[in-house]
Amino acid sequence: GKQRDLVAHIAWSGSTNYADSVKGRFTI
C-alpha cells in the first residue's frame, strides 16, 4: 500500500545519500 521509496544511493566515486528514515542505521 505504499510507494516505492528510495532508501539510499551511491556513486561510483563513493559519495552516498540516505533517506532520513534509515540514516545512521543503514550503510550502502
mmCIF file of all heavy atoms, coordinates in Angstrom:
data_MODEL
# 
_entry.id   MODEL 
# 
loop_
_atom_site.group_PDB 
_atom_site.id 
_atom_site.type_symbol 
_atom_site.label_atom_id 
_atom_site.label_alt_id 
_atom_site.label_comp_id 
_atom_site.label_asym_id 
_atom_site.label_entity_id 
_atom_site.label_seq_id 
_atom_site.pdbx_PDB_ins_code 
_atom_site.Cartn_x 
_atom_site.Cartn_y 
_atom_site.Cartn_z 
_atom_site.occupancy 
_atom_site.B_iso_or_equiv 
_atom_site.pdbx_formal_charge 
_atom_site.auth_seq_id 
_atom_site.auth_comp_id 
_atom_site.auth_asym_id 
_atom_site.auth_atom_id 
_atom_site.pdbx_PDB_model_num 
ATOM 1   N N   . GLY A 1 1  ? 0.778  -1.224 0.000   1.00 0.00 ? 1  GLY A N   1 
ATOM 2   C CA  . GLY A 1 1  ? 0.000  0.000  0.000   1.00 0.00 ? 1  GLY A CA  1 
ATOM 3   C C   . GLY A 1 1  ? 0.810  1.275  0.000   1.00 0.00 ? 1  GLY A C   1 
ATOM 4   O O   . GLY A 1 1  ? 0.237  2.365  0.085   1.00 0.00 ? 1  GLY A O   1 
ATOM 5   N N   . LYS A 1 2  ? 2.110  1.156  -0.096  1.00 0.00 ? 2  LYS A N   1 
ATOM 6   C CA  . LYS A 1 2  ? 2.992  2.319  -0.056  1.00 0.00 ? 2  LYS A CA  1 
ATOM 7   C C   . LYS A 1 2  ? 3.712  2.508  -1.384  1.00 0.00 ? 2  LYS A C   1 
ATOM 8   O O   . LYS A 1 2  ? 3.802  1.594  -2.203  1.00 0.00 ? 2  LYS A O   1 
ATOM 9   C CB  . LYS A 1 2  ? 4.026  2.178  1.061   1.00 0.00 ? 2  LYS A CB  1 
ATOM 10  C CG  . LYS A 1 2  ? 3.433  2.000  2.456   1.00 0.00 ? 2  LYS A CG  1 
ATOM 11  C CD  . LYS A 1 2  ? 2.775  3.267  2.947   1.00 0.00 ? 2  LYS A CD  1 
ATOM 12  C CE  . LYS A 1 2  ? 2.266  3.084  4.375   1.00 0.00 ? 2  LYS A CE  1 
ATOM 13  N NZ  . LYS A 1 2  ? 3.386  2.857  5.332   1.00 0.00 ? 2  LYS A NZ  1 
ATOM 14  N N   . GLN A 1 3  ? 4.215  3.702  -1.583  1.00 0.00 ? 3  GLN A N   1 
ATOM 15  C CA  . GLN A 1 3  ? 5.027  3.984  -2.751  1.00 0.00 ? 3  GLN A CA  1 
ATOM 16  C C   . GLN A 1 3  ? 6.386  3.312  -2.625  1.00 0.00 ? 3  GLN A C   1 
ATOM 17  O O   . GLN A 1 3  ? 6.835  2.984  -1.523  1.00 0.00 ? 3  GLN A O   1 
ATOM 18  C CB  . GLN A 1 3  ? 5.221  5.491  -2.918  1.00 0.00 ? 3  GLN A CB  1 
ATOM 19  C CG  . GLN A 1 3  ? 3.956  6.275  -3.184  1.00 0.00 ? 3  GLN A CG  1 
ATOM 20  C CD  . GLN A 1 3  ? 4.238  7.759  -3.381  1.00 0.00 ? 3  GLN A CD  1 
ATOM 21  O OE1 . GLN A 1 3  ? 5.396  8.181  -3.442  1.00 0.00 ? 3  GLN A OE1 1 
ATOM 22  N NE2 . GLN A 1 3  ? 3.191  8.552  -3.488  1.00 0.00 ? 3  GLN A NE2 1 
ATOM 23  N N   . ARG A 1 4  ? 7.012  3.129  -3.761  1.00 0.00 ? 4  ARG A N   1 
ATOM 24  C CA  . ARG A 1 4  ? 8.373  2.632  -3.764  1.00 0.00 ? 4  ARG A CA  1 
ATOM 25  C C   . ARG A 1 4  ? 9.302  3.809  -3.488  1.00 0.00 ? 4  ARG A C   1 
ATOM 26  O O   . ARG A 1 4  ? 9.370  4.756  -4.275  1.00 0.00 ? 4  ARG A O   1 
ATOM 27  C CB  . ARG A 1 4  ? 8.708  1.963  -5.099  1.00 0.00 ? 4  ARG A CB  1 
ATOM 28  C CG  . ARG A 1 4  ? 10.101 1.348  -5.144  1.00 0.00 ? 4  ARG A CG  1 
ATOM 29  C CD  . ARG A 1 4  ? 10.341 0.596  -6.439  1.00 0.00 ? 4  ARG A CD  1 
ATOM 30  N NE  . ARG A 1 4  ? 9.423  -0.532 -6.581  1.00 0.00 ? 4  ARG A NE  1 
ATOM 31  C CZ  . ARG A 1 4  ? 9.472  -1.402 -7.577  1.00 0.00 ? 4  ARG A CZ  1 
ATOM 32  N NH1 . ARG A 1 4  ? 10.387 -1.292 -8.522  1.00 0.00 ? 4  ARG A NH1 1 
ATOM 33  N NH2 . ARG A 1 4  ? 8.589  -2.395 -7.636  1.00 0.00 ? 4  ARG A NH2 1 
ATOM 34  N N   . ASP A 1 5  ? 9.995  3.754  -2.378  1.00 0.00 ? 5  ASP A N   1 
ATOM 35  C CA  . ASP A 1 5  ? 10.807 4.872  -1.923  1.00 0.00 ? 5  ASP A CA  1 
ATOM 36  C C   . ASP A 1 5  ? 12.291 4.561  -2.026  1.00 0.00 ? 5  ASP A C   1 
ATOM 37  O O   . ASP A 1 5  ? 12.721 3.435  -1.773  1.00 0.00 ? 5  ASP A O   1 
ATOM 38  C CB  . ASP A 1 5  ? 10.484 5.232  -0.472  1.00 0.00 ? 5  ASP A CB  1 
ATOM 39  C CG  . ASP A 1 5  ? 9.077  5.746  -0.291  1.00 0.00 ? 5  ASP A CG  1 
ATOM 40  O OD1 . ASP A 1 5  ? 8.574  6.444  -1.196  1.00 0.00 ? 5  ASP A OD1 1 
ATOM 41  O OD2 . ASP A 1 5  ? 8.474  5.469  0.765   1.00 0.00 ? 5  ASP A OD2 1 
ATOM 42  N N   . LEU A 1 6  ? 13.036 5.575  -2.358  1.00 0.00 ? 6  LEU A N   1 
ATOM 43  C CA  . LEU A 1 6  ? 14.490 5.448  -2.403  1.00 0.00 ? 6  LEU A CA  1 
ATOM 44  C C   . LEU A 1 6  ? 15.038 5.441  -0.988  1.00 0.00 ? 6  LEU A C   1 
ATOM 45  O O   . LEU A 1 6  ? 14.771 6.350  -0.201  1.00 0.00 ? 6  LEU A O   1 
ATOM 46  C CB  . LEU A 1 6  ? 15.094 6.599  -3.205  1.00 0.00 ? 6  LEU A CB  1 
ATOM 47  C CG  . LEU A 1 6  ? 16.615 6.620  -3.347  1.00 0.00 ? 6  LEU A CG  1 
ATOM 48  C CD1 . LEU A 1 6  ? 17.110 5.414  -4.139  1.00 0.00 ? 6  LEU A CD1 1 
ATOM 49  C CD2 . LEU A 1 6  ? 17.066 7.919  -4.032  1.00 0.00 ? 6  LEU A CD2 1 
ATOM 50  N N   . VAL A 1 7  ? 15.812 4.426  -0.675  1.00 0.00 ? 7  VAL A N   1 
ATOM 51  C CA  . VAL A 1 7  ? 16.400 4.272  0.649   1.00 0.00 ? 7  VAL A CA  1 
ATOM 52  C C   . VAL A 1 7  ? 17.793 4.879  0.712   1.00 0.00 ? 7  VAL A C   1 
ATOM 53  O O   . VAL A 1 7  ? 18.133 5.595  1.652   1.00 0.00 ? 7  VAL A O   1 
ATOM 54  C CB  . VAL A 1 7  ? 16.452 2.788  1.053   1.00 0.00 ? 7  VAL A CB  1 
ATOM 55  C CG1 . VAL A 1 7  ? 17.174 2.608  2.384   1.00 0.00 ? 7  VAL A CG1 1 
ATOM 56  C CG2 . VAL A 1 7  ? 15.040 2.216  1.129   1.00 0.00 ? 7  VAL A CG2 1 
ATOM 57  N N   . ALA A 1 8  ? 18.593 4.570  -0.286  1.00 0.00 ? 8  ALA A N   1 
ATOM 58  C CA  . ALA A 1 8  ? 19.969 5.041  -0.321  1.00 0.00 ? 8  ALA A CA  1 
ATOM 59  C C   . ALA A 1 8  ? 20.514 4.911  -1.726  1.00 0.00 ? 8  ALA A C   1 
ATOM 60  O O   . ALA A 1 8  ? 20.043 4.083  -2.503  1.00 0.00 ? 8  ALA A O   1 
ATOM 61  C CB  . ALA A 1 8  ? 20.849 4.253  0.660   1.00 0.00 ? 8  ALA A CB  1 
ATOM 62  N N   . HIS A 1 9  ? 21.505 5.713  -2.030  1.00 0.00 ? 9  HIS A N   1 
ATOM 63  C CA  . HIS A 1 9  ? 22.197 5.550  -3.300  1.00 0.00 ? 9  HIS A CA  1 
ATOM 64  C C   . HIS A 1 9  ? 23.657 5.897  -3.136  1.00 0.00 ? 9  HIS A C   1 
ATOM 65  O O   . HIS A 1 9  ? 24.052 6.592  -2.203  1.00 0.00 ? 9  HIS A O   1 
ATOM 66  C CB  . HIS A 1 9  ? 21.548 6.370  -4.430  1.00 0.00 ? 9  HIS A CB  1 
ATOM 67  C CG  . HIS A 1 9  ? 21.564 7.859  -4.239  1.00 0.00 ? 9  HIS A CG  1 
ATOM 68  N ND1 . HIS A 1 9  ? 22.660 8.635  -4.520  1.00 0.00 ? 9  HIS A ND1 1 
ATOM 69  C CD2 . HIS A 1 9  ? 20.594 8.721  -3.823  1.00 0.00 ? 9  HIS A CD2 1 
ATOM 70  C CE1 . HIS A 1 9  ? 22.378 9.907  -4.279  1.00 0.00 ? 9  HIS A CE1 1 
ATOM 71  N NE2 . HIS A 1 9  ? 21.124 9.970  -3.855  1.00 0.00 ? 9  HIS A NE2 1 
ATOM 72  N N   . ILE A 1 10 ? 24.446 5.385  -4.063  1.00 0.00 ? 10 ILE A N   1 
ATOM 73  C CA  . ILE A 1 10 ? 25.881 5.563  -4.000  1.00 0.00 ? 10 ILE A CA  1 
ATOM 74  C C   . ILE A 1 10 ? 26.431 5.770  -5.401  1.00 0.00 ? 10 ILE A C   1 
ATOM 75  O O   . ILE A 1 10 ? 26.059 5.074  -6.341  1.00 0.00 ? 10 ILE A O   1 
ATOM 76  C CB  . ILE A 1 10 ? 26.557 4.358  -3.304  1.00 0.00 ? 10 ILE A CB  1 
ATOM 77  C CG1 . ILE A 1 10 ? 28.062 4.589  -3.163  1.00 0.00 ? 10 ILE A CG1 1 
ATOM 78  C CG2 . ILE A 1 10 ? 26.258 3.051  -4.036  1.00 0.00 ? 10 ILE A CG2 1 
ATOM 79  C CD1 . ILE A 1 10 ? 28.739 3.572  -2.246  1.00 0.00 ? 10 ILE A CD1 1 
ATOM 80  N N   . ALA A 1 11 ? 27.306 6.742  -5.531  1.00 0.00 ? 11 ALA A N   1 
ATOM 81  C CA  . ALA A 1 11 ? 28.003 6.979  -6.787  1.00 0.00 ? 11 ALA A CA  1 
ATOM 82  C C   . ALA A 1 11 ? 29.250 6.118  -6.844  1.00 0.00 ? 11 ALA A C   1 
ATOM 83  O O   . ALA A 1 11 ? 29.761 5.666  -5.816  1.00 0.00 ? 11 ALA A O   1 
ATOM 84  C CB  . ALA A 1 11 ? 28.373 8.454  -6.910  1.00 0.00 ? 11 ALA A CB  1 
ATOM 85  N N   . TRP A 1 12 ? 29.736 5.895  -8.054  1.00 0.00 ? 12 TRP A N   1 
ATOM 86  C CA  . TRP A 1 12 ? 30.967 5.124  -8.194  1.00 0.00 ? 12 TRP A CA  1 
ATOM 87  C C   . TRP A 1 12 ? 32.152 5.834  -7.553  1.00 0.00 ? 12 TRP A C   1 
ATOM 88  O O   . TRP A 1 12 ? 33.162 5.199  -7.249  1.00 0.00 ? 12 TRP A O   1 
ATOM 89  C CB  . TRP A 1 12 ? 31.239 4.811  -9.656  1.00 0.00 ? 12 TRP A CB  1 
ATOM 90  C CG  . TRP A 1 12 ? 30.184 3.952  -10.276 1.00 0.00 ? 12 TRP A CG  1 
ATOM 91  C CD1 . TRP A 1 12 ? 29.515 4.185  -11.444 1.00 0.00 ? 12 TRP A CD1 1 
ATOM 92  C CD2 . TRP A 1 12 ? 29.662 2.707  -9.774  1.00 0.00 ? 12 TRP A CD2 1 
ATOM 93  N NE1 . TRP A 1 12 ? 28.611 3.179  -11.702 1.00 0.00 ? 12 TRP A NE1 1 
ATOM 94  C CE2 . TRP A 1 12 ? 28.679 2.256  -10.694 1.00 0.00 ? 12 TRP A CE2 1 
ATOM 95  C CE3 . TRP A 1 12 ? 29.919 1.931  -8.634  1.00 0.00 ? 12 TRP A CE3 1 
ATOM 96  C CZ2 . TRP A 1 12 ? 27.959 1.066  -10.498 1.00 0.00 ? 12 TRP A CZ2 1 
ATOM 97  C CZ3 . TRP A 1 12 ? 29.189 0.758  -8.446  1.00 0.00 ? 12 TRP A CZ3 1 
ATOM 98  C CH2 . TRP A 1 12 ? 28.230 0.343  -9.377  1.00 0.00 ? 12 TRP A CH2 1 
ATOM 99  N N   . SER A 1 13 ? 32.021 7.133  -7.340  1.00 0.00 ? 13 SER A N   1 
ATOM 100 C CA  . SER A 1 13 ? 33.049 7.877  -6.636  1.00 0.00 ? 13 SER A CA  1 
ATOM 101 C C   . SER A 1 13 ? 33.063 7.573  -5.146  1.00 0.00 ? 13 SER A C   1 
ATOM 102 O O   . SER A 1 13 ? 34.033 7.894  -4.458  1.00 0.00 ? 13 SER A O   1 
ATOM 103 C CB  . SER A 1 13 ? 32.839 9.376  -6.841  1.00 0.00 ? 13 SER A CB  1 
ATOM 104 O OG  . SER A 1 13 ? 31.632 9.802  -6.239  1.00 0.00 ? 13 SER A OG  1 
ATOM 105 N N   . GLY A 1 14 ? 31.977 6.984  -4.651  1.00 0.00 ? 14 GLY A N   1 
ATOM 106 C CA  . GLY A 1 14 ? 31.865 6.670  -3.243  1.00 0.00 ? 14 GLY A CA  1 
ATOM 107 C C   . GLY A 1 14 ? 30.925 7.562  -2.462  1.00 0.00 ? 14 GLY A C   1 
ATOM 108 O O   . GLY A 1 14 ? 30.623 7.262  -1.301  1.00 0.00 ? 14 GLY A O   1 
ATOM 109 N N   . SER A 1 15 ? 30.465 8.626  -3.055  1.00 0.00 ? 15 SER A N   1 
ATOM 110 C CA  . SER A 1 15 ? 29.531 9.514  -2.372  1.00 0.00 ? 15 SER A CA  1 
ATOM 111 C C   . SER A 1 15 ? 28.210 8.800  -2.120  1.00 0.00 ? 15 SER A C   1 
ATOM 112 O O   . SER A 1 15 ? 27.707 8.081  -2.982  1.00 0.00 ? 15 SER A O   1 
ATOM 113 C CB  . SER A 1 15 ? 29.285 10.773 -3.198  1.00 0.00 ? 15 SER A CB  1 
ATOM 114 O OG  . SER A 1 15 ? 30.473 11.523 -3.342  1.00 0.00 ? 15 SER A OG  1 
ATOM 115 N N   . THR A 1 16 ? 27.642 9.009  -0.948  1.00 0.00 ? 16 THR A N   1 
ATOM 116 C CA  . THR A 1 16 ? 26.414 8.322  -0.554  1.00 0.00 ? 16 THR A CA  1 
ATOM 117 C C   . THR A 1 16 ? 25.348 9.301  -0.115  1.00 0.00 ? 16 THR A C   1 
ATOM 118 O O   . THR A 1 16 ? 25.634 10.447 0.252   1.00 0.00 ? 16 THR A O   1 
ATOM 119 C CB  . THR A 1 16 ? 26.673 7.330  0.585   1.00 0.00 ? 16 THR A CB  1 
ATOM 120 O OG1 . THR A 1 16 ? 27.201 8.036  1.715   1.00 0.00 ? 16 THR A OG1 1 
ATOM 121 C CG2 . THR A 1 16 ? 27.664 6.259  0.158   1.00 0.00 ? 16 THR A CG2 1 
ATOM 122 N N   . ASN A 1 17 ? 24.115 8.818  -0.134  1.00 0.00 ? 17 ASN A N   1 
ATOM 123 C CA  . ASN A 1 17 ? 22.986 9.598  0.330   1.00 0.00 ? 17 ASN A CA  1 
ATOM 124 C C   . ASN A 1 17 ? 21.949 8.650  0.897   1.00 0.00 ? 17 ASN A C   1 
ATOM 125 O O   . ASN A 1 17 ? 21.734 7.566  0.352   1.00 0.00 ? 17 ASN A O   1 
ATOM 126 C CB  . ASN A 1 17 ? 22.394 10.431 -0.812  1.00 0.00 ? 17 ASN A CB  1 
ATOM 127 C CG  . ASN A 1 17 ? 21.424 11.481 -0.323  1.00 0.00 ? 17 ASN A CG  1 
ATOM 128 O OD1 . ASN A 1 17 ? 20.238 11.210 -0.153  1.00 0.00 ? 17 ASN A OD1 1 
ATOM 129 N ND2 . ASN A 1 17 ? 21.929 12.680 -0.092  1.00 0.00 ? 17 ASN A ND2 1 
ATOM 130 N N   . TYR A 1 18 ? 21.304 9.065  1.994   1.00 0.00 ? 18 TYR A N   1 
ATOM 131 C CA  . TYR A 1 18 ? 20.353 8.208  2.685   1.00 0.00 ? 18 TYR A CA  1 
ATOM 132 C C   . TYR A 1 18 ? 19.050 8.936  2.962   1.00 0.00 ? 18 TYR A C   1 
ATOM 133 O O   . TYR A 1 18 ? 19.034 10.147 3.211   1.00 0.00 ? 18 TYR A O   1 
ATOM 134 C CB  . TYR A 1 18 ? 20.920 7.736  4.022   1.00 0.00 ? 18 TYR A CB  1 
ATOM 135 C CG  . TYR A 1 18 ? 22.173 6.918  3.910   1.00 0.00 ? 18 TYR A CG  1 
ATOM 136 C CD1 . TYR A 1 18 ? 23.423 7.521  3.946   1.00 0.00 ? 18 TYR A CD1 1 
ATOM 137 C CD2 . TYR A 1 18 ? 22.112 5.534  3.771   1.00 0.00 ? 18 TYR A CD2 1 
ATOM 138 C CE1 . TYR A 1 18 ? 24.577 6.774  3.843   1.00 0.00 ? 18 TYR A CE1 1 
ATOM 139 C CE2 . TYR A 1 18 ? 23.264 4.778  3.672   1.00 0.00 ? 18 TYR A CE2 1 
ATOM 140 C CZ  . TYR A 1 18 ? 24.490 5.402  3.709   1.00 0.00 ? 18 TYR A CZ  1 
ATOM 141 O OH  . TYR A 1 18 ? 25.641 4.651  3.609   1.00 0.00 ? 18 TYR A OH  1 
ATOM 142 N N   . ALA A 1 19 ? 17.966 8.175  2.938   1.00 0.00 ? 19 ALA A N   1 
ATOM 143 C CA  . ALA A 1 19 ? 16.702 8.699  3.413   1.00 0.00 ? 19 ALA A CA  1 
ATOM 144 C C   . ALA A 1 19 ? 16.793 8.944  4.913   1.00 0.00 ? 19 ALA A C   1 
ATOM 145 O O   . ALA A 1 19 ? 17.493 8.227  5.633   1.00 0.00 ? 19 ALA A O   1 
ATOM 146 C CB  . ALA A 1 19 ? 15.567 7.724  3.106   1.00 0.00 ? 19 ALA A CB  1 
ATOM 147 N N   . ASP A 1 20 ? 16.074 9.951  5.392   1.00 0.00 ? 20 ASP A N   1 
ATOM 148 C CA  . ASP A 1 20 ? 16.129 10.284 6.814   1.00 0.00 ? 20 ASP A CA  1 
ATOM 149 C C   . ASP A 1 20 ? 15.715 9.108  7.700   1.00 0.00 ? 20 ASP A C   1 
ATOM 150 O O   . ASP A 1 20 ? 16.226 8.951  8.810   1.00 0.00 ? 20 ASP A O   1 
ATOM 151 C CB  . ASP A 1 20 ? 15.239 11.483 7.109   1.00 0.00 ? 20 ASP A CB  1 
ATOM 152 C CG  . ASP A 1 20 ? 15.809 12.780 6.565   1.00 0.00 ? 20 ASP A CG  1 
ATOM 153 O OD1 . ASP A 1 20 ? 17.018 12.836 6.283   1.00 0.00 ? 20 ASP A OD1 1 
ATOM 154 O OD2 . ASP A 1 20 ? 15.033 13.750 6.432   1.00 0.00 ? 20 ASP A OD2 1 
ATOM 155 N N   . SER A 1 21 ? 14.808 8.282  7.204   1.00 0.00 ? 21 SER A N   1 
ATOM 156 C CA  . SER A 1 21 ? 14.290 7.184  7.999   1.00 0.00 ? 21 SER A CA  1 
ATOM 157 C C   . SER A 1 21 ? 15.326 6.102  8.299   1.00 0.00 ? 21 SER A C   1 
ATOM 158 O O   . SER A 1 21 ? 15.143 5.322  9.235   1.00 0.00 ? 21 SER A O   1 
ATOM 159 C CB  . SER A 1 21 ? 13.077 6.556  7.308   1.00 0.00 ? 21 SER A CB  1 
ATOM 160 O OG  . SER A 1 21 ? 13.424 6.081  6.019   1.00 0.00 ? 21 SER A OG  1 
ATOM 161 N N   . VAL A 1 22 ? 16.389 6.042  7.518   1.00 0.00 ? 22 VAL A N   1 
ATOM 162 C CA  . VAL A 1 22 ? 17.394 5.000  7.708   1.00 0.00 ? 22 VAL A CA  1 
ATOM 163 C C   . VAL A 1 22 ? 18.764 5.552  8.043   1.00 0.00 ? 22 VAL A C   1 
ATOM 164 O O   . VAL A 1 22 ? 19.684 4.784  8.342   1.00 0.00 ? 22 VAL A O   1 
ATOM 165 C CB  . VAL A 1 22 ? 17.504 4.085  6.469   1.00 0.00 ? 22 VAL A CB  1 
ATOM 166 C CG1 . VAL A 1 22 ? 16.137 3.530  6.093   1.00 0.00 ? 22 VAL A CG1 1 
ATOM 167 C CG2 . VAL A 1 22 ? 18.124 4.829  5.292   1.00 0.00 ? 22 VAL A CG2 1 
ATOM 168 N N   . LYS A 1 23 ? 18.907 6.846  8.016   1.00 0.00 ? 23 LYS A N   1 
ATOM 169 C CA  . LYS A 1 23 ? 20.200 7.465  8.260   1.00 0.00 ? 23 LYS A CA  1 
ATOM 170 C C   . LYS A 1 23 ? 20.721 7.091  9.643   1.00 0.00 ? 23 LYS A C   1 
ATOM 171 O O   . LYS A 1 23 ? 20.005 7.177  10.639  1.00 0.00 ? 23 LYS A O   1 
ATOM 172 C CB  . LYS A 1 23 ? 20.086 8.984  8.117   1.00 0.00 ? 23 LYS A CB  1 
ATOM 173 C CG  . LYS A 1 23 ? 21.412 9.717  8.043   1.00 0.00 ? 23 LYS A CG  1 
ATOM 174 C CD  . LYS A 1 23 ? 21.203 11.199 7.744   1.00 0.00 ? 23 LYS A CD  1 
ATOM 175 C CE  . LYS A 1 23 ? 20.512 11.405 6.411   1.00 0.00 ? 23 LYS A CE  1 
ATOM 176 N NZ  . LYS A 1 23 ? 20.336 12.840 6.080   1.00 0.00 ? 23 LYS A NZ  1 
ATOM 177 N N   . GLY A 1 24 ? 21.971 6.670  9.678   1.00 0.00 ? 24 GLY A N   1 
ATOM 178 C CA  . GLY A 1 24 ? 22.577 6.249  10.929  1.00 0.00 ? 24 GLY A CA  1 
ATOM 179 C C   . GLY A 1 24 ? 22.405 4.777  11.231  1.00 0.00 ? 24 GLY A C   1 
ATOM 180 O O   . GLY A 1 24 ? 23.076 4.251  12.135  1.00 0.00 ? 24 GLY A O   1 
ATOM 181 N N   . ARG A 1 25 ? 21.520 4.097  10.518  1.00 0.00 ? 25 ARG A N   1 
ATOM 182 C CA  . ARG A 1 25 ? 21.288 2.671  10.727  1.00 0.00 ? 25 ARG A CA  1 
ATOM 183 C C   . ARG A 1 25 ? 21.724 1.815  9.543   1.00 0.00 ? 25 ARG A C   1 
ATOM 184 O O   . ARG A 1 25 ? 22.164 0.682  9.731   1.00 0.00 ? 25 ARG A O   1 
ATOM 185 C CB  . ARG A 1 25 ? 19.805 2.408  11.008  1.00 0.00 ? 25 ARG A CB  1 
ATOM 186 C CG  . ARG A 1 25 ? 19.279 3.116  12.254  1.00 0.00 ? 25 ARG A CG  1 
ATOM 187 C CD  . ARG A 1 25 ? 17.861 2.669  12.583  1.00 0.00 ? 25 ARG A CD  1 
ATOM 188 N NE  . ARG A 1 25 ? 16.912 3.020  11.524  1.00 0.00 ? 25 ARG A NE  1 
ATOM 189 C CZ  . ARG A 1 25 ? 16.200 2.129  10.839  1.00 0.00 ? 25 ARG A CZ  1 
ATOM 190 N NH1 . ARG A 1 25 ? 16.309 0.833  11.093  1.00 0.00 ? 25 ARG A NH1 1 
ATOM 191 N NH2 . ARG A 1 25 ? 15.350 2.540  9.893   1.00 0.00 ? 25 ARG A NH2 1 
ATOM 192 N N   . PHE A 1 26 ? 21.564 2.349  8.339   1.00 0.00 ? 26 PHE A N   1 
ATOM 193 C CA  . PHE A 1 26 ? 21.902 1.606  7.130   1.00 0.00 ? 26 PHE A CA  1 
ATOM 194 C C   . PHE A 1 26 ? 23.179 2.171  6.523   1.00 0.00 ? 26 PHE A C   1 
ATOM 195 O O   . PHE A 1 26 ? 23.456 3.379  6.624   1.00 0.00 ? 26 PHE A O   1 
ATOM 196 C CB  . PHE A 1 26 ? 20.790 1.714  6.083   1.00 0.00 ? 26 PHE A CB  1 
ATOM 197 C CG  . PHE A 1 26 ? 19.507 1.004  6.428   1.00 0.00 ? 26 PHE A CG  1 
ATOM 198 C CD1 . PHE A 1 26 ? 19.291 0.456  7.683   1.00 0.00 ? 26 PHE A CD1 1 
ATOM 199 C CD2 . PHE A 1 26 ? 18.509 0.899  5.469   1.00 0.00 ? 26 PHE A CD2 1 
ATOM 200 C CE1 . PHE A 1 26 ? 18.104 -0.188 7.996   1.00 0.00 ? 26 PHE A CE1 1 
ATOM 201 C CE2 . PHE A 1 26 ? 17.321 0.261  5.765   1.00 0.00 ? 26 PHE A CE2 1 
ATOM 202 C CZ  . PHE A 1 26 ? 17.111 -0.293 7.021   1.00 0.00 ? 26 PHE A CZ  1 
ATOM 203 N N   . THR A 1 27 ? 23.924 1.305  5.869   1.00 0.00 ? 27 THR A N   1 
ATOM 204 C CA  . THR A 1 27 ? 25.128 1.715  5.165   1.00 0.00 ? 27 THR A CA  1 
ATOM 205 C C   . THR A 1 27 ? 25.145 1.085  3.779   1.00 0.00 ? 27 THR A C   1 
ATOM 206 O O   . THR A 1 27 ? 25.045 -0.135 3.650   1.00 0.00 ? 27 THR A O   1 
ATOM 207 C CB  . THR A 1 27 ? 26.396 1.305  5.923   1.00 0.00 ? 27 THR A CB  1 
ATOM 208 O OG1 . THR A 1 27 ? 26.388 1.880  7.233   1.00 0.00 ? 27 THR A OG1 1 
ATOM 209 C CG2 . THR A 1 27 ? 27.637 1.788  5.175   1.00 0.00 ? 27 THR A CG2 1 
ATOM 210 N N   . ILE A 1 28 ? 25.259 1.916  2.764   1.00 0.00 ? 28 ILE A N   1 
ATOM 211 C CA  . ILE A 1 28 ? 25.356 1.418  1.406   1.00 0.00 ? 28 ILE A CA  1 
ATOM 212 C C   . ILE A 1 28 ? 26.828 1.416  0.988   1.00 0.00 ? 28 ILE A C   1 
ATOM 213 O O   . ILE A 1 28 ? 27.580 2.333  1.327   1.00 0.00 ? 28 ILE A O   1 
ATOM 214 C CB  . ILE A 1 28 ? 24.498 2.263  0.433   1.00 0.00 ? 28 ILE A CB  1 
ATOM 215 C CG1 . ILE A 1 28 ? 24.455 1.618  -0.956  1.00 0.00 ? 28 ILE A CG1 1 
ATOM 216 C CG2 . ILE A 1 28 ? 24.983 3.702  0.357   1.00 0.00 ? 28 ILE A CG2 1 
ATOM 217 C CD1 . ILE A 1 28 ? 23.438 2.268  -1.889  1.00 0.00 ? 28 ILE A CD1 1 
# 
